Structures are given as structure tokens and as C-alpha cells.
Protein backbone atom coordinates (compact mmCIF):
# COMPACT_ATOMS: atom_id res chain seq x y z
CA UNK A 1 89.09 58.87 92.85
CA UNK A 2 89.15 56.46 90.10
CA UNK A 3 91.67 54.33 91.82
CA UNK A 4 90.42 54.70 95.21
CA UNK A 5 86.89 55.24 95.01
CA UNK A 6 85.09 58.43 96.72
CA UNK A 7 86.07 57.42 101.03
CA UNK A 8 89.40 58.33 99.88
CA UNK A 9 88.49 61.77 98.70
CA UNK A 10 88.98 63.83 102.38
CA UNK A 11 92.01 61.67 103.01
CA UNK A 12 93.23 62.97 99.88
CA UNK A 13 91.90 66.31 100.40
CA UNK A 14 93.50 66.56 103.93
CA UNK A 15 97.20 65.22 102.91
CA UNK A 16 97.13 68.30 100.27
CA UNK A 17 95.57 70.91 103.41
CA UNK A 18 98.63 69.49 105.65
CA UNK A 19 101.27 70.11 102.80
CA UNK A 20 100.31 73.62 101.67
CA UNK A 21 99.67 74.32 105.36
CA UNK A 22 103.14 73.61 106.29
CA UNK A 23 104.92 75.41 102.80
CA UNK A 24 102.37 78.33 104.01
CA UNK A 25 104.09 78.16 107.71
CA UNK A 26 107.78 77.56 106.24
CA UNK A 27 107.80 80.48 103.83
CA UNK A 28 105.98 83.37 106.85
CA UNK A 29 109.09 82.76 108.45
CA UNK A 30 111.31 83.61 106.33
CA UNK A 31 113.44 86.83 106.02
CA UNK A 32 112.28 89.73 103.14
CA UNK A 33 115.51 88.87 102.04
CA UNK A 34 116.05 85.26 101.83
CA UNK A 35 116.65 84.02 98.39
CA UNK A 36 114.21 81.71 98.92
CA UNK A 37 111.52 83.86 98.55
CA UNK A 38 112.25 82.92 94.72
CA UNK A 39 111.08 79.67 95.00
CA UNK A 40 107.27 80.69 96.84
CA UNK A 41 105.68 81.88 93.17
CA UNK A 42 107.20 78.08 91.86
CA UNK A 43 106.10 76.29 94.92
CA UNK A 44 102.19 77.46 94.88
CA UNK A 45 101.77 77.41 90.93
CA UNK A 46 102.50 73.37 91.54
CA UNK A 47 99.78 73.47 94.01
CA UNK A 48 97.13 74.82 92.21
CA UNK A 49 98.63 72.01 89.67
CA UNK A 50 98.48 69.64 91.67
CA UNK A 51 94.55 69.56 92.14
CA UNK A 52 93.99 68.90 88.56
CA UNK A 53 96.98 67.11 86.76
CA UNK A 54 98.51 64.09 86.99
CA UNK A 55 101.71 63.17 87.98
CA UNK A 56 103.37 63.00 84.74
CA UNK A 57 102.56 65.90 83.89
CA UNK A 58 103.41 66.89 87.76
CA UNK A 59 106.76 65.58 87.49
CA UNK A 60 107.40 66.96 84.07
CA UNK A 61 106.22 70.21 84.99
CA UNK A 62 108.49 70.51 87.87
CA UNK A 63 111.61 68.72 85.95
CA UNK A 64 110.70 71.30 83.11
CA UNK A 65 109.92 74.66 84.95
CA UNK A 66 111.44 73.70 88.36
CA UNK A 67 115.02 72.09 88.06
CA UNK A 68 117.37 75.08 87.41
CA UNK A 69 115.50 77.97 89.42
CA UNK A 70 115.83 75.12 92.69
CA UNK A 71 119.55 74.54 91.46
CA UNK A 72 120.53 78.28 90.76
CA UNK A 73 118.89 79.44 94.41
CA UNK A 74 120.45 76.29 96.60
CA UNK A 75 123.57 76.45 95.19
CA UNK A 76 123.97 80.49 93.78
CA UNK A 77 122.68 81.56 97.23
CA UNK A 78 125.33 82.50 100.05
CA UNK A 79 125.03 82.55 103.62
CA UNK A 80 125.33 85.46 105.67
CA UNK A 81 126.23 84.64 109.44
CA UNK A 82 125.05 87.71 111.88
CA UNK A 83 127.79 88.78 114.22
CA UNK A 84 126.23 88.12 116.89
CA UNK A 85 124.89 84.95 116.69
CA UNK A 86 128.77 84.43 115.51
CA UNK A 87 130.50 85.64 117.90
CA UNK A 88 128.42 83.59 120.40
CA UNK A 89 129.51 80.35 118.94
CA UNK A 90 134.06 81.77 119.77
CA UNK A 91 133.32 82.36 123.14
């Protein structure tokens, strides 16, 4: 509000609402055994921090608390293909 005035505040919350809605929709579609669900608590806490922190603090917290878990989940998870889906691709 200091940089853009009170007129920009509703637009900022609109953008924030869209981001939170998409995050919730994405995680609601995941299977209960999907390893990306391990990132859900971090991303929810990041959304709360977004409302009360500066961008430099958010970047620091993302790198400090989120980079390693995201890296581990991304590169430590294996992709399992359902046999019914794999069989339909081969035919």
C-alpha cells in the first residue's frame, strides 16, 4: 500500500486469492500417495508469510526452508505408471 496506494490493494488481494485458489485446486487433485503432498505445508505457510513479509524475507525463507525439500521431492520421487495406461500406449 505504501508503494501503490490504497487503490491497488483490492487488486493485490485478487491476485493473491487466485494464486491460493489454484494452489488449493492443484493439491486437491493429487492422489493421497503423491509425494508432492509433502510440499503442501510449506506452500501454505508461504502463503501466510506472503501477507505479512517483505519480498526479501520471502525469498530468504523460500531458499532456506523450501529449496532442499522441493529438490528432494522433485529428484527423489520415482514415477510409477499404471499398467492399464501403459498398455494402452503400446497398442
